[in-house]
C-alpha atoms as a PDB file:
ATOM      1  CA  UNK A   1     -14.013 -89.128  53.832  1.00  0.00           C
ATOM      2  CA  UNK A   2     -11.757 -87.359  56.435  1.00  0.00           C
ATOM      3  CA  UNK A   3      -8.537 -89.436  54.933  1.00  0.00           C
ATOM      4  CA  UNK A   4      -9.677 -88.305  51.391  1.00  0.00           C
ATOM      5  CA  UNK A   5      -9.556 -84.552  52.550  1.00  0.00           C
ATOM      6  CA  UNK A   6      -6.017 -85.083  54.438  1.00  0.00           C
ATOM      7  CA  UNK A   7      -4.603 -86.944  51.290  1.00  0.00           C
ATOM      8  CA  UNK A   8      -5.587 -84.043  49.085  1.00  0.00           C
ATOM      9  CA  UNK A   9      -4.256 -81.415  51.556  1.00  0.00           C
ATOM     10  CA  UNK A  10      -1.010 -83.202  51.894  1.00  0.00           C
ATOM     11  CA  UNK A  11      -0.784 -83.780  48.050  1.00  0.00           C
ATOM     12  CA  UNK A  12      -1.325 -79.671  47.984  1.00  0.00           C
ATOM     13  CA  UNK A  13       1.402 -79.273  50.656  1.00  0.00           C
ATOM     14  CA  UNK A  14       3.799 -81.439  48.721  1.00  0.00           C
ATOM     15  CA  UNK A  15       3.104 -79.494  45.482  1.00  0.00           C
ATOM     16  CA  UNK A  16       3.517 -76.076  47.009  1.00  0.00           C
ATOM     17  CA  UNK A  17       6.903 -77.201  48.423  1.00  0.00           C
ATOM     18  CA  UNK A  18       8.194 -78.173  45.119  1.00  0.00           C
ATOM     19  CA  UNK A  19       7.099 -75.017  43.664  1.00  0.00           C
ATOM     20  CA  UNK A  20       8.797 -72.839  46.167  1.00  0.00           C
ATOM     21  CA  UNK A  21      11.951 -75.116  45.276  1.00  0.00           C
ATOM     22  CA  UNK A  22      11.580 -74.443  41.717  1.00  0.00           C
ATOM     23  CA  UNK A  23      11.714 -70.670  42.335  1.00  0.00           C
ATOM     24  CA  UNK A  24      14.368 -70.905  44.687  1.00  0.00           C
ATOM     25  CA  UNK A  25      16.478 -72.911  42.143  1.00  0.00           C
ATOM     26  CA  UNK A  26      15.960 -70.190  39.517  1.00  0.00           C
ATOM     27  CA  UNK A  27      17.002 -67.595  42.100  1.00  0.00           C
ATOM     28  CA  UNK A  28      20.303 -69.578  42.955  1.00  0.00           C
ATOM     29  CA  UNK A  29      20.852 -70.052  39.200  1.00  0.00           C
ATOM     30  CA  UNK A  30      20.300 -66.416  38.270  1.00  0.00           C
ATOM     31  CA  UNK A  31      22.876 -65.447  41.185  1.00  0.00           C
ATOM     32  CA  UNK A  32      25.482 -67.936  39.924  1.00  0.00           C
ATOM     33  CA  UNK A  33      25.092 -66.792  36.660  1.00  0.00           C
ATOM     34  CA  UNK A  34      25.843 -63.000  37.760  1.00  0.00           C
ATOM     35  CA  UNK A  35      28.731 -64.273  39.769  1.00  0.00           C
ATOM     36  CA  UNK A  36      30.170 -66.051  36.701  1.00  0.00           C
ATOM     37  CA  UNK A  37      29.695 -63.071  34.470  1.00  0.00           C
ATOM     38  CA  UNK A  38      31.363 -60.898  36.819  1.00  0.00           C
ATOM     39  CA  UNK A  39      34.632 -63.320  37.151  1.00  0.00           C
ATOM     40  CA  UNK A  40      34.702 -63.629  33.526  1.00  0.00           C
ATOM     41  CA  UNK A  41      34.955 -59.722  32.929  1.00  0.00           C
ATOM     42  CA  UNK A  42      37.497 -59.513  35.466  1.00  0.00           C
ATOM     43  CA  UNK A  43      39.570 -62.330  33.949  1.00  0.00           C
ATOM     44  CA  UNK A  44      38.987 -60.612  30.607  1.00  0.00           C
ATOM     45  CA  UNK A  45      40.280 -57.359  32.263  1.00  0.00           C
ATOM     46  CA  UNK A  46      43.298 -58.847  33.665  1.00  0.00           C
ATOM     47  CA  UNK A  47      44.460 -60.817  30.432  1.00  0.00           C
ATOM     48  CA  UNK A  48      44.232 -57.507  28.902  1.00  0.00           C
ATOM     49  CA  UNK A  49      46.355 -55.847  31.208  1.00  0.00           C
ATOM     50  CA  UNK A  50      48.901 -58.908  31.205  1.00  0.00           C
ATOM     51  CA  UNK A  51      49.013 -58.590  27.434  1.00  0.00           C
ATOM     52  CA  UNK A  52      49.912 -54.827  27.692  1.00  0.00           C
ATOM     53  CA  UNK A  53      52.479 -55.411  30.153  1.00  0.00           C
ATOM     54  CA  UNK A  54      54.231 -58.164  27.992  1.00  0.00           C
ATOM     55  CA  UNK A  55      54.156 -55.794  25.226  1.00  0.00           C
ATOM     56  CA  UNK A  56      55.684 -53.116  27.019  1.00  0.00           C
ATOM     57  CA  UNK A  57      58.271 -55.522  28.265  1.00  0.00           C
ATOM     58  CA  UNK A  58      58.940 -57.029  24.552  1.00  0.00           C
ATOM     59  CA  UNK A  59      59.187 -53.121  23.459  1.00  0.00           C
ATOM     60  CA  UNK A  60      61.642 -52.411  26.132  1.00  0.00           C
ATOM     61  CA  UNK A  61      63.754 -55.337  25.595  1.00  0.00           C
ATOM     62  CA  UNK A  62      63.477 -55.267  21.751  1.00  0.00           C
ATOM     63  CA  UNK A  63      61.950 -58.818  21.469  1.00  0.00           C
ATOM     64  CA  UNK A  64      59.755 -59.241  18.642  1.00  0.00           C
ATOM     65  CA  UNK A  65      56.267 -60.114  19.413  1.00  0.00           C
ATOM     66  CA  UNK A  66      54.967 -63.729  19.013  1.00  0.00           C
ATOM     67  CA  UNK A  67      51.307 -63.029  17.724  1.00  0.00           C
END
């Protein structure tokens, strides 16, 4: 009987460990998603800035825009 209780206890501990890992995985995934979104927004701003700078250069040099 003692081994049955020990096995049940062990199974419960393992389950709780996996449940905890699932929660941690979701938290890490959420953080990575936020980081990805911040990086994408930054890249969008940088690309927009570069487009504006390129347009200014084309205007100054009287080069037709290649749109």
